[in-house]
Amino acid sequence: MEARVRCSRSTKTMSTTWLLRLFCTLLAVSYSYPEFGRALEAPKDIFILAGQSNMAGRGGVRHGKWDGNVPPECRPNPSILRLNPQLQWEEAHEPLHTGIGPPKTQGVGPGLAFANEIRAKGSMVGVVGLVPCAVGGTKISAWARGTTLYNELVRRTKASVSGGGQLRAILWYQGESDTVRSEDAEAYKGNLEKLIIDLRSDLSHPTLLFIQVALGSGEGKFIETVRRGQLGIRLPNVKCVDAKGLRLEPDKLHLTTIAQIHLAQKLAAAFLAGDQS
């Protein structure tokens, strides 16, 4: 009986000690990162990152492992946040798409470098909120209105602006999986146009900026067909940057870390060229 009492007291002491340590840790974090706390409260410039693996980021991934290399252009900043899978804002860091979609090895994508670039060169850009939604290996048909991916993109986008902030653009890099079959490649332009129109409607943002990436690689032989579709879109407020010629990983499909930074700079230039805020 006495042993049980001592054990109970010991357990309570350990529990109290653990809670005290947790409280002290959280308190230290709150004092150590005042900028992050202010960023959470500030209005955000919000960007949606959607598409497949090159938007999710495979830079530095080889043989199923990420090398952990984070160049200065991709370093975290307390004023750059990401919406995590639980729809909560947190400080963004690589890999940006961790926890988004099915479990896959993530690496460096264009998102963080894009955010750092627009903050460095856009005098009116403040706190940046990134909303990762990209899922590797997906055809554009998997993003059509009513699909799981479409609904999740809309859900996460609406959650991102619910606490304040302005939705500035959707960044879209997808199409590699549509290069395998001629039918998919030929239908790409129409499918993408419909996706843009549907998203603008369901997000109640008829002029929402949509910046897409023209493919620099693909899973099949119809890369140029998809590229023609991408480059041929003439909807208003749709911009296109080109990934052709950017360096690829040994798999000849995914952009390297440095190539992702170059892509991010192109995306940032496209955004800032039309940003009048």
Protein backbone atom coordinates (compact mmCIF):
# COMPACT_ATOMS: atom_id res chain seq x y z
CA MET A 1 0.00 0.00 0.00
CA GLU A 2 2.79 2.42 0.98
CA ALA A 3 4.62 1.59 -2.25
CA ARG A 4 1.51 2.42 -4.27
CA VAL A 5 1.16 5.77 -2.48
CA ARG A 6 4.81 6.62 -3.17
CA CYS A 7 4.33 5.62 -6.81
CA SER A 8 1.22 7.80 -7.08
CA ARG A 9 3.02 10.77 -5.55
CA SER A 10 5.97 10.23 -7.87
CA THR A 11 3.69 10.12 -10.91
CA LYS A 12 1.97 13.35 -9.87
CA THR A 13 5.33 15.02 -9.32
CA MET A 14 6.54 13.92 -12.76
CA SER A 15 3.30 15.12 -14.34
CA THR A 16 3.58 18.50 -12.63
CA THR A 17 7.22 18.81 -13.65
CA TRP A 18 6.37 17.96 -17.27
CA LEU A 19 3.57 20.51 -17.40
CA LEU A 20 5.82 23.16 -15.86
CA ARG A 21 8.51 22.46 -18.46
CA LEU A 22 5.94 22.62 -21.28
CA PHE A 23 4.63 25.95 -19.99
CA CYS A 24 8.14 27.38 -19.76
CA THR A 25 8.94 26.16 -23.28
CA LEU A 26 5.83 27.77 -24.74
CA LEU A 27 6.53 30.97 -22.83
CA ALA A 28 10.09 31.04 -24.15
CA VAL A 29 8.89 30.51 -27.70
CA SER A 30 6.39 33.36 -27.41
CA TYR A 31 9.12 35.73 -26.21
CA SER A 32 11.70 34.44 -28.69
CA TYR A 33 9.52 34.96 -31.75
CA PRO A 34 7.63 38.24 -31.33
CA GLU A 35 7.76 38.79 -35.10
CA PHE A 36 5.93 35.51 -35.68
CA GLY A 37 3.26 36.53 -33.19
CA ARG A 38 2.76 39.84 -34.97
CA ALA A 39 2.66 38.06 -38.33
CA LEU A 40 -0.22 35.88 -37.15
CA GLU A 41 -2.27 38.98 -36.33
CA ALA A 42 -1.35 41.00 -39.41
CA PRO A 43 -3.31 41.03 -42.70
CA LYS A 44 -1.77 38.57 -45.12
CA ASP A 45 -1.04 38.50 -48.83
CA ILE A 46 -2.25 34.97 -49.57
CA PHE A 47 -1.05 32.72 -52.38
CA ILE A 48 -2.35 29.27 -53.29
CA LEU A 49 0.23 26.69 -54.42
CA ALA A 50 -1.44 24.00 -56.52
CA GLY A 51 -0.64 21.37 -59.12
CA GLN A 52 1.54 18.28 -58.88
CA SER A 53 5.00 17.26 -57.70
CA ASN A 54 7.07 20.09 -59.14
CA MET A 55 4.90 22.58 -57.24
CA ALA A 56 4.90 20.42 -54.12
CA GLY A 57 8.69 20.27 -54.45
CA ARG A 58 11.09 17.45 -55.19
CA GLY A 59 14.24 19.56 -55.27
CA GLY A 60 17.06 17.64 -53.57
CA VAL A 61 15.12 14.36 -53.48
CA ARG A 62 17.04 11.35 -54.74
CA HIS A 63 16.35 7.67 -54.15
CA GLY A 64 13.40 8.55 -51.94
CA LYS A 65 15.36 10.82 -49.57
CA TRP A 66 15.65 14.60 -49.33
CA ASP A 67 19.19 15.93 -48.93
CA GLY A 68 18.08 18.63 -46.47
CA ASN A 69 19.79 21.44 -48.40
CA VAL A 70 17.98 24.76 -47.88
CA PRO A 71 19.57 27.61 -49.87
CA PRO A 72 19.40 31.19 -48.52
CA GLU A 73 16.58 32.01 -50.96
CA CYS A 74 14.42 29.36 -49.26
CA ARG A 75 15.20 30.19 -45.64
CA PRO A 76 12.31 30.71 -43.20
CA ASN A 77 11.14 34.18 -42.26
CA PRO A 78 8.76 35.00 -39.38
CA SER A 79 6.68 37.03 -41.85
CA ILE A 80 6.19 34.08 -44.23
CA LEU A 81 3.55 31.64 -43.02
CA ARG A 82 2.02 28.45 -44.34
CA LEU A 83 -1.43 27.02 -43.74
CA ASN A 84 -0.77 23.58 -42.28
CA PRO A 85 -2.96 20.47 -42.76
CA GLN A 86 -4.96 21.45 -39.65
CA LEU A 87 -5.81 24.83 -41.27
CA GLN A 88 -3.62 26.74 -38.83
CA TRP A 89 -0.99 29.32 -39.72
CA GLU A 90 2.60 28.49 -38.80
CA GLU A 91 6.01 29.74 -39.85
CA ALA A 92 6.79 28.30 -43.26
CA HIS A 93 9.86 26.14 -43.79
CA GLU A 94 11.05 23.54 -46.26
CA PRO A 95 9.66 21.11 -47.23
CA LEU A 96 6.66 23.39 -47.58
CA HIS A 97 4.18 20.65 -48.55
CA THR A 98 4.89 18.37 -45.58
CA GLY A 99 1.66 16.67 -44.57
CA ILE A 100 -0.26 17.71 -47.69
CA GLY A 101 -1.71 14.84 -49.73
CA PRO A 102 -0.61 11.19 -49.59
CA PRO A 103 2.69 10.52 -47.76
CA LYS A 104 5.56 11.16 -50.18
CA THR A 105 9.11 12.40 -49.78
CA GLN A 106 8.98 16.16 -50.18
CA GLY A 107 11.83 18.47 -51.07
CA VAL A 108 12.31 22.07 -52.12
CA GLY A 109 9.62 23.68 -54.25
CA PRO A 110 9.14 27.25 -55.51
CA GLY A 111 6.87 28.53 -52.73
CA LEU A 112 9.27 29.81 -50.08
CA ALA A 113 11.72 31.26 -52.57
CA PHE A 114 8.79 33.01 -54.28
CA ALA A 115 7.64 34.51 -50.97
CA ASN A 116 11.14 35.72 -50.09
CA GLU A 117 11.54 37.23 -53.54
CA ILE A 118 8.30 39.22 -53.54
CA ARG A 119 9.02 40.47 -50.03
CA ALA A 120 12.48 41.60 -51.11
CA LYS A 121 11.33 43.32 -54.31
CA GLY A 122 7.72 44.27 -53.60
CA SER A 123 7.69 47.34 -51.37
CA MET A 124 4.01 46.89 -50.47
CA VAL A 125 4.19 43.16 -49.70
CA GLY A 126 3.89 42.47 -45.98
CA VAL A 127 3.12 39.16 -44.32
CA VAL A 128 2.88 36.37 -46.90
CA GLY A 129 0.53 33.45 -46.35
CA LEU A 130 1.27 30.35 -48.45
CA VAL A 131 -1.43 27.71 -48.86
CA PRO A 132 0.14 24.45 -50.12
CA CYS A 133 -2.34 22.25 -52.02
CA ALA A 134 -0.23 20.45 -54.65
CA VAL A 135 -0.31 16.66 -54.91
CA GLY A 136 2.17 14.69 -57.01
CA GLY A 137 1.20 12.36 -59.83
CA THR A 138 -2.18 13.99 -60.53
CA LYS A 139 -3.75 14.61 -63.92
CA ILE A 140 -5.74 17.78 -64.47
CA SER A 141 -8.92 15.67 -64.51
CA ALA A 142 -8.27 14.96 -60.82
CA TRP A 143 -8.60 18.72 -60.18
CA ALA A 144 -11.93 19.18 -61.95
CA ARG A 145 -14.80 20.79 -60.06
CA GLY A 146 -16.37 18.34 -57.59
CA THR A 147 -13.27 16.15 -57.16
CA THR A 148 -11.55 15.64 -53.82
CA LEU A 149 -8.55 17.75 -54.83
CA TYR A 150 -10.71 20.60 -56.10
CA ASN A 151 -12.88 20.61 -52.99
CA GLU A 152 -9.83 20.55 -50.74
CA LEU A 153 -8.23 23.45 -52.61
CA VAL A 154 -11.41 25.51 -52.22
CA ARG A 155 -11.76 24.54 -48.55
CA ARG A 156 -8.19 25.47 -47.71
CA THR A 157 -8.39 28.71 -49.67
CA LYS A 158 -11.55 29.83 -47.88
CA ALA A 159 -10.02 28.91 -44.53
CA SER A 160 -6.90 30.96 -45.34
CA VAL A 161 -8.86 34.19 -45.80
CA SER A 162 -11.38 33.62 -43.02
CA GLY A 163 -9.20 35.36 -40.43
CA GLY A 164 -8.34 38.33 -42.60
CA GLY A 165 -6.07 38.80 -45.55
CA GLN A 166 -6.25 39.18 -49.30
CA LEU A 167 -6.15 36.35 -51.81
CA ARG A 168 -3.56 37.54 -54.32
CA ALA A 169 -2.99 34.67 -56.74
CA ILE A 170 -3.05 30.98 -57.52
CA LEU A 171 0.31 29.58 -58.58
CA TRP A 172 -0.24 26.49 -60.74
CA TYR A 173 2.37 23.97 -61.92
CA GLN A 174 0.82 20.81 -63.32
CA GLY A 175 0.53 18.80 -66.51
CA GLU A 176 3.40 16.29 -66.45
CA SER A 177 0.94 13.43 -65.93
CA ASP A 178 -1.14 14.62 -68.90
CA THR A 179 1.73 14.05 -71.34
CA VAL A 180 1.32 10.25 -71.42
CA ARG A 181 -1.88 9.96 -73.50
CA SER A 182 -2.57 12.00 -76.61
CA GLU A 183 -6.22 12.46 -75.57
CA ASP A 184 -5.24 14.00 -72.23
CA ALA A 185 -2.68 16.30 -73.83
CA GLU A 186 -5.11 17.53 -76.49
CA ALA A 187 -7.80 18.20 -73.88
CA TYR A 188 -5.47 20.03 -71.52
CA LYS A 189 -6.13 23.59 -72.66
CA GLY A 190 -9.90 23.28 -72.33
CA ASN A 191 -9.63 21.53 -68.97
CA LEU A 192 -7.35 24.21 -67.56
CA GLU A 193 -9.55 27.03 -68.82
CA LYS A 194 -12.57 25.44 -67.16
CA LEU A 195 -10.64 24.94 -63.92
CA ILE A 196 -9.68 28.63 -63.80
CA ILE A 197 -13.25 29.74 -64.47
CA ASP A 198 -14.68 27.36 -61.86
CA LEU A 199 -12.20 28.37 -59.17
CA ARG A 200 -12.84 32.06 -59.73
CA SER A 201 -16.57 31.41 -59.46
CA ASP A 202 -16.44 29.22 -56.35
CA LEU A 203 -14.02 31.57 -54.61
CA SER A 204 -16.18 34.59 -55.54
CA HIS A 205 -13.15 36.23 -57.12
CA PRO A 206 -13.83 36.70 -60.86
CA THR A 207 -10.53 38.46 -61.58
CA LEU A 208 -8.27 36.32 -59.40
CA LEU A 209 -4.73 36.25 -60.81
CA PHE A 210 -3.72 32.81 -62.04
CA ILE A 211 -0.02 32.25 -62.77
CA GLN A 212 0.71 28.95 -64.47
CA VAL A 213 3.98 27.25 -65.34
CA ALA A 214 4.55 25.89 -68.85
CA LEU A 215 6.08 22.43 -68.61
CA GLY A 216 9.78 21.81 -68.84
CA SER A 217 9.42 18.03 -68.50
CA GLY A 218 6.80 15.30 -68.52
CA GLU A 219 6.02 11.66 -67.92
CA GLY A 220 5.25 10.94 -71.58
CA LYS A 221 5.95 12.02 -75.14
CA PHE A 222 3.22 14.65 -75.52
CA ILE A 223 4.96 17.42 -73.62
CA GLU A 224 4.80 19.90 -76.49
CA THR A 225 1.07 19.29 -76.93
CA VAL A 226 0.42 20.22 -73.30
CA ARG A 227 2.77 23.19 -73.58
CA ARG A 228 0.86 24.51 -76.61
CA GLY A 229 -2.31 24.33 -74.58
CA GLN A 230 -0.73 26.15 -71.65
CA LEU A 231 0.84 28.86 -73.77
CA GLY A 232 -2.36 29.29 -75.78
CA ILE A 233 -4.64 30.28 -72.91
CA ARG A 234 -6.00 33.80 -73.35
CA LEU A 235 -8.29 34.21 -70.37
CA PRO A 236 -7.98 37.59 -68.63
CA ASN A 237 -5.53 37.89 -65.75
CA VAL A 238 -3.82 34.60 -66.54
CA LYS A 239 -0.03 34.68 -66.78
CA CYS A 240 2.42 32.01 -67.80
CA VAL A 241 6.09 31.49 -66.94
CA ASP A 242 8.20 28.88 -68.71
CA ALA A 243 10.08 26.04 -67.01
CA LYS A 244 11.63 24.82 -70.25
CA GLY A 245 15.39 24.63 -69.95
CA LEU A 246 15.50 24.62 -66.15
CA ARG A 247 17.78 21.96 -64.73
CA LEU A 248 16.23 18.61 -63.80
CA GLU A 249 17.05 15.96 -61.23
CA PRO A 250 18.50 12.67 -62.59
CA ASP A 251 14.93 11.37 -63.00
CA LYS A 252 14.53 13.91 -65.85
CA LEU A 253 11.14 14.91 -64.44
CA HIS A 254 11.61 17.05 -61.33
CA LEU A 255 13.34 20.40 -61.00
CA THR A 256 16.51 20.59 -58.95
CA THR A 257 16.67 22.85 -55.90
CA ILE A 258 18.48 25.59 -57.83
CA ALA A 259 16.00 25.29 -60.71
CA GLN A 260 13.15 25.74 -58.23
CA ILE A 261 14.73 28.99 -57.09
CA HIS A 262 14.99 30.17 -60.70
CA LEU A 263 11.34 29.26 -61.24
CA ALA A 264 10.36 31.12 -58.07
CA GLN A 265 12.08 34.24 -59.38
CA LYS A 266 10.11 33.97 -62.62
CA LEU A 267 6.85 33.57 -60.70
CA ALA A 268 7.69 36.54 -58.50
CA ALA A 269 8.52 38.71 -61.51
CA ALA A 270 5.21 37.78 -63.14
CA PHE A 271 3.31 38.67 -59.98
CA LEU A 272 5.12 41.93 -59.30
CA ALA A 273 4.78 43.05 -62.93
CA GLY A 274 1.05 43.31 -62.48
CA ASP A 275 0.90 44.19 -58.78
CA GLN A 276 -0.49 47.67 -58.33
CA SER A 277 -0.91 47.58 -54.54
